[in-house]
Amino acid sequence: MPKLTASKEEIKGMPPMAEGMVTVRLDGFDPKLSKDKGSVNLNPKMKVINHAEYNDRPVFENLNTKGKWVWKDFCHSFGVPLQEVNGDFEFPGEFDGPEDDPTKWQYRGPLLGQQAQLMLVQADNTKGGIANKVKYYVCKVQGCVEKHSDNLVK
C-alpha cells in the first residue's frame, strides 16, 4: 500500500483570502451541535463564485441557533426574508431529521443555490493565526428598511 505524505506547509491549508467584497453561493448546511451542546451551529456551505483568484473557495460561518440576530442579515443577503408567523420570525425553509442529531438534518428551502455578497476581513482565528471572517452581509431584499449589522467581527 502506498504511503501518503504531506509537508508541514501543505497541511496548513490555504492562506486567508484578501479582505474585500465577495459573491458566494449557498450550497446547503452542515449542522452540528455546539461545543457546549446547548445550541446548533448550522454551518452554511458557502463558496466564492465569479472571482478570478478565489473561485470555489469556501467561506466559513457558524450561524448558531442562539445567534438569532445574525439570521436576518444572513437570509436577507440571499434575498430571502425571515418568515413572520404569529408575530415571531422563523428561519426560511425546513430542516428535516431527528431533533436530537443535527448532523442528520437536511435543509429544504428557498436559500439553496442563492447568491449573496458579503464583506470578508482577516481576523484572529483564536489559535494564533489569521482566518477570514464575515464582517457584514449585503442585503438583497428589495425595499428592505431593516437595520443590518455593519460589523459582525467585534
C-alpha atoms as a PDB file:
ATOM      1  CA  MET A   1       0.000   0.000   0.000  1.00  0.00           C
ATOM      2  CA  PRO A   2       1.462   3.416  -0.926  1.00  0.00           C
ATOM      3  CA  LYS A   3       2.203   5.917   1.836  1.00  0.00           C
ATOM      4  CA  LEU A   4       0.562   9.318   1.530  1.00  0.00           C
ATOM      5  CA  THR A   5       2.721  12.158   2.789  1.00  0.00           C
ATOM      6  CA  ALA A   6       2.460  15.936   3.052  1.00  0.00           C
ATOM      7  CA  SER A   7       4.838  18.639   4.195  1.00  0.00           C
ATOM      8  CA  LYS A   8       4.064  20.840   7.180  1.00  0.00           C
ATOM      9  CA  GLU A   9       3.289  23.707   4.777  1.00  0.00           C
ATOM     10  CA  GLU A  10       0.911  21.583   2.694  1.00  0.00           C
ATOM     11  CA  ILE A  11      -1.256  20.592   5.664  1.00  0.00           C
ATOM     12  CA  LYS A  12      -1.601  24.171   6.927  1.00  0.00           C
ATOM     13  CA  GLY A  13      -4.330  24.824   4.384  1.00  0.00           C
ATOM     14  CA  MET A  14      -4.792  27.750   2.091  1.00  0.00           C
ATOM     15  CA  PRO A  15      -3.881  31.252   3.218  1.00  0.00           C
ATOM     16  CA  PRO A  16      -6.776  33.581   4.048  1.00  0.00           C
ATOM     17  CA  MET A  17      -8.350  35.450   1.183  1.00  0.00           C
ATOM     18  CA  ALA A  18      -7.664  39.184   0.881  1.00  0.00           C
ATOM     19  CA  GLU A  19     -10.137  41.448   2.642  1.00  0.00           C
ATOM     20  CA  GLY A  20     -12.938  42.667   0.444  1.00  0.00           C
ATOM     21  CA  MET A  21     -16.343  42.027  -1.056  1.00  0.00           C
ATOM     22  CA  VAL A  22     -17.014  38.556  -2.484  1.00  0.00           C
ATOM     23  CA  THR A  23     -20.028  36.843  -4.019  1.00  0.00           C
ATOM     24  CA  VAL A  24     -20.941  33.439  -2.603  1.00  0.00           C
ATOM     25  CA  ARG A  25     -23.424  30.691  -3.423  1.00  0.00           C
ATOM     26  CA  LEU A  26     -25.179  28.739  -0.668  1.00  0.00           C
ATOM     27  CA  ASP A  27     -24.932  25.003  -1.349  1.00  0.00           C
ATOM     28  CA  GLY A  28     -26.541  23.787   1.873  1.00  0.00           C
ATOM     29  CA  PHE A  29     -25.835  23.438   5.579  1.00  0.00           C
ATOM     30  CA  ASP A  30     -23.713  21.089   7.675  1.00  0.00           C
ATOM     31  CA  PRO A  31     -25.354  21.342  11.138  1.00  0.00           C
ATOM     32  CA  LYS A  32     -23.537  20.188  14.255  1.00  0.00           C
ATOM     33  CA  LEU A  33     -24.064  20.633  17.992  1.00  0.00           C
ATOM     34  CA  SER A  34     -22.060  23.467  19.523  1.00  0.00           C
ATOM     35  CA  LYS A  35     -19.208  22.634  21.907  1.00  0.00           C
ATOM     36  CA  ASP A  36     -21.456  23.076  24.957  1.00  0.00           C
ATOM     37  CA  LYS A  37     -24.224  21.078  23.221  1.00  0.00           C
ATOM     38  CA  GLY A  38     -26.689  23.856  24.104  1.00  0.00           C
ATOM     39  CA  SER A  39     -27.267  25.026  20.538  1.00  0.00           C
ATOM     40  CA  VAL A  40     -26.600  24.104  16.921  1.00  0.00           C
ATOM     41  CA  ASN A  41     -24.049  25.577  14.523  1.00  0.00           C
ATOM     42  CA  LEU A  42     -25.829  25.482  11.154  1.00  0.00           C
ATOM     43  CA  ASN A  43     -22.502  25.802   9.275  1.00  0.00           C
ATOM     44  CA  PRO A  44     -23.760  27.130   5.941  1.00  0.00           C
ATOM     45  CA  LYS A  45     -21.801  25.756   2.976  1.00  0.00           C
ATOM     46  CA  MET A  46     -20.902  28.911   1.062  1.00  0.00           C
ATOM     47  CA  LYS A  47     -18.486  29.017  -1.864  1.00  0.00           C
ATOM     48  CA  VAL A  48     -16.985  32.051  -3.570  1.00  0.00           C
ATOM     49  CA  ILE A  49     -18.167  32.395  -7.160  1.00  0.00           C
ATOM     50  CA  ASN A  50     -17.252  34.627 -10.100  1.00  0.00           C
ATOM     51  CA  HIS A  51     -13.833  35.534  -8.682  1.00  0.00           C
ATOM     52  CA  ALA A  52     -10.656  35.114 -10.722  1.00  0.00           C
ATOM     53  CA  GLU A  53      -8.437  34.266  -7.732  1.00  0.00           C
ATOM     54  CA  TYR A  54     -10.769  32.723  -5.124  1.00  0.00           C
ATOM     55  CA  ASN A  55     -13.385  30.871  -7.176  1.00  0.00           C
ATOM     56  CA  ASP A  56     -14.744  27.802  -5.296  1.00  0.00           C
ATOM     57  CA  ARG A  57     -13.036  28.740  -2.019  1.00  0.00           C
ATOM     58  CA  PRO A  58     -15.291  28.054   0.984  1.00  0.00           C
ATOM     59  CA  VAL A  59     -16.354  30.828   3.344  1.00  0.00           C
ATOM     60  CA  PHE A  60     -16.851  29.572   6.882  1.00  0.00           C
ATOM     61  CA  GLU A  61     -19.596  30.826   9.182  1.00  0.00           C
ATOM     62  CA  ASN A  62     -21.124  29.130  12.246  1.00  0.00           C
ATOM     63  CA  LEU A  63     -24.602  30.692  12.105  1.00  0.00           C
ATOM     64  CA  ASN A  64     -25.511  29.465  15.582  1.00  0.00           C
ATOM     65  CA  THR A  65     -29.139  28.897  16.544  1.00  0.00           C
ATOM     66  CA  LYS A  66     -28.636  31.131  19.594  1.00  0.00           C
ATOM     67  CA  GLY A  67     -27.214  33.976  17.459  1.00  0.00           C
ATOM     68  CA  LYS A  68     -30.623  34.857  16.064  1.00  0.00           C
ATOM     69  CA  TRP A  69     -29.658  38.498  15.469  1.00  0.00           C
ATOM     70  CA  VAL A  70     -27.494  37.294  12.539  1.00  0.00           C
ATOM     71  CA  TRP A  71     -30.280  35.297  10.864  1.00  0.00           C
ATOM     72  CA  LYS A  72     -31.900  38.372   9.295  1.00  0.00           C
ATOM     73  CA  ASP A  73     -28.622  39.650   7.830  1.00  0.00           C
ATOM     74  CA  PHE A  74     -27.712  36.194   6.533  1.00  0.00           C
ATOM     75  CA  CYS A  75     -31.089  35.443   4.934  1.00  0.00           C
ATOM     76  CA  HIS A  76     -31.560  38.961   3.539  1.00  0.00           C
ATOM     77  CA  SER A  77     -28.165  38.747   1.810  1.00  0.00           C
ATOM     78  CA  PHE A  78     -29.541  35.831  -0.220  1.00  0.00           C
ATOM     79  CA  GLY A  79     -32.711  37.822  -0.970  1.00  0.00           C
ATOM     80  CA  VAL A  80     -34.919  35.765   1.348  1.00  0.00           C
ATOM     81  CA  PRO A  81     -36.661  37.450   4.300  1.00  0.00           C
ATOM     82  CA  LEU A  82     -37.399  35.641   7.560  1.00  0.00           C
ATOM     83  CA  GLN A  83     -40.919  34.235   7.740  1.00  0.00           C
ATOM     84  CA  GLU A  84     -43.238  36.076  10.138  1.00  0.00           C
ATOM     85  CA  VAL A  85     -45.566  33.682  11.958  1.00  0.00           C
ATOM     86  CA  ASN A  86     -47.862  34.974  14.725  1.00  0.00           C
ATOM     87  CA  GLY A  87     -45.538  37.910  15.487  1.00  0.00           C
ATOM     88  CA  ASP A  88     -42.414  35.730  15.666  1.00  0.00           C
ATOM     89  CA  PHE A  89     -39.892  35.083  12.940  1.00  0.00           C
ATOM     90  CA  GLU A  90     -38.836  31.722  11.544  1.00  0.00           C
ATOM     91  CA  PHE A  91     -35.778  30.799   9.546  1.00  0.00           C
ATOM     92  CA  PRO A  92     -36.957  30.228   5.948  1.00  0.00           C
ATOM     93  CA  GLY A  93     -37.266  26.620   4.825  1.00  0.00           C
ATOM     94  CA  GLU A  94     -37.109  23.483   6.919  1.00  0.00           C
ATOM     95  CA  PHE A  95     -34.515  21.214   8.455  1.00  0.00           C
ATOM     96  CA  ASP A  96     -35.663  17.599   8.281  1.00  0.00           C
ATOM     97  CA  GLY A  97     -34.187  14.930  10.521  1.00  0.00           C
ATOM     98  CA  PRO A  98     -34.086  13.737  14.120  1.00  0.00           C
ATOM     99  CA  GLU A  99     -34.265  16.697  16.508  1.00  0.00           C
ATOM    100  CA  ASP A 100     -31.526  15.264  18.748  1.00  0.00           C
ATOM    101  CA  ASP A 101     -28.996  14.688  15.920  1.00  0.00           C
ATOM    102  CA  PRO A 102     -28.359  17.830  13.825  1.00  0.00           C
ATOM    103  CA  THR A 103     -25.666  16.008  11.797  1.00  0.00           C
ATOM    104  CA  LYS A 104     -28.535  14.188  10.045  1.00  0.00           C
ATOM    105  CA  TRP A 105     -30.571  17.311   9.283  1.00  0.00           C
ATOM    106  CA  GLN A 106     -31.267  18.087   5.643  1.00  0.00           C
ATOM    107  CA  TYR A 107     -32.259  21.628   4.633  1.00  0.00           C
ATOM    108  CA  ARG A 108     -35.080  22.181   2.168  1.00  0.00           C
ATOM    109  CA  GLY A 109     -35.876  25.750   1.351  1.00  0.00           C
ATOM    110  CA  PRO A 110     -35.526  28.936  -0.659  1.00  0.00           C
ATOM    111  CA  LEU A 111     -31.933  29.707   0.385  1.00  0.00           C
ATOM    112  CA  LEU A 112     -30.411  26.782  -1.530  1.00  0.00           C
ATOM    113  CA  GLY A 113     -28.486  27.848  -4.613  1.00  0.00           C
ATOM    114  CA  GLN A 114     -28.986  31.555  -3.933  1.00  0.00           C
ATOM    115  CA  GLN A 115     -26.156  34.078  -4.233  1.00  0.00           C
ATOM    116  CA  ALA A 116     -25.110  36.763  -1.776  1.00  0.00           C
ATOM    117  CA  GLN A 117     -22.463  39.426  -1.358  1.00  0.00           C
ATOM    118  CA  LEU A 118     -20.515  39.717   1.855  1.00  0.00           C
ATOM    119  CA  MET A 119     -17.522  41.596   3.187  1.00  0.00           C
ATOM    120  CA  LEU A 120     -14.649  39.369   4.271  1.00  0.00           C
ATOM    121  CA  VAL A 121     -11.958  40.514   6.685  1.00  0.00           C
ATOM    122  CA  GLN A 122      -8.932  38.809   8.146  1.00  0.00           C
ATOM    123  CA  ALA A 123      -9.198  38.258  11.890  1.00  0.00           C
ATOM    124  CA  ASP A 124      -7.641  36.264  14.707  1.00  0.00           C
ATOM    125  CA  ASN A 125      -8.672  32.614  14.496  1.00  0.00           C
ATOM    126  CA  THR A 126      -8.151  32.162  18.294  1.00  0.00           C
ATOM    127  CA  LYS A 127      -5.399  29.609  17.555  1.00  0.00           C
ATOM    128  CA  GLY A 128      -2.560  32.021  16.902  1.00  0.00           C
ATOM    129  CA  GLY A 129      -3.327  32.508  13.225  1.00  0.00           C
ATOM    130  CA  ILE A 130      -5.444  34.516  10.839  1.00  0.00           C
ATOM    131  CA  ALA A 131      -8.715  33.411   9.220  1.00  0.00           C
ATOM    132  CA  ASN A 132     -11.382  35.015   7.105  1.00  0.00           C
ATOM    133  CA  LYS A 133     -14.497  36.179   8.905  1.00  0.00           C
ATOM    134  CA  VAL A 134     -17.689  37.711   7.576  1.00  0.00           C
ATOM    135  CA  LYS A 135     -17.732  41.366   8.624  1.00  0.00           C
ATOM    136  CA  TYR A 136     -21.166  42.024   7.152  1.00  0.00           C
ATOM    137  CA  TYR A 137     -23.712  40.746   4.669  1.00  0.00           C
ATOM    138  CA  VAL A 138     -25.138  42.961   1.906  1.00  0.00           C
ATOM    139  CA  CYS A 139     -28.953  42.994   1.939  1.00  0.00           C
ATOM    140  CA  LYS A 140     -30.589  41.899  -1.321  1.00  0.00           C
ATOM    141  CA  VAL A 141     -34.252  42.113  -0.231  1.00  0.00           C
ATOM    142  CA  GLN A 142     -35.989  44.687  -2.430  1.00  0.00           C
ATOM    143  CA  GLY A 143     -37.392  47.633  -0.489  1.00  0.00           C
ATOM    144  CA  CYS A 144     -35.864  46.462   2.800  1.00  0.00           C
ATOM    145  CA  VAL A 145     -35.970  49.078   5.564  1.00  0.00           C
ATOM    146  CA  GLU A 146     -34.474  46.860   8.283  1.00  0.00           C
ATOM    147  CA  LYS A 147     -31.260  47.861  10.042  1.00  0.00           C
ATOM    148  CA  HIS A 148     -28.434  45.446   9.275  1.00  0.00           C
ATOM    149  CA  SER A 149     -25.177  44.876  11.151  1.00  0.00           C
ATOM    150  CA  ASP A 150     -22.105  46.602   9.752  1.00  0.00           C
ATOM    151  CA  ASN A 151     -19.567  44.698  11.858  1.00  0.00           C
ATOM    152  CA  LEU A 152     -20.138  41.106  12.976  1.00  0.00           C
ATOM    153  CA  VAL A 153     -16.448  40.704  13.895  1.00  0.00           C
ATOM    154  CA  LYS A 154     -16.281  42.564  17.190  1.00  0.00           C
END
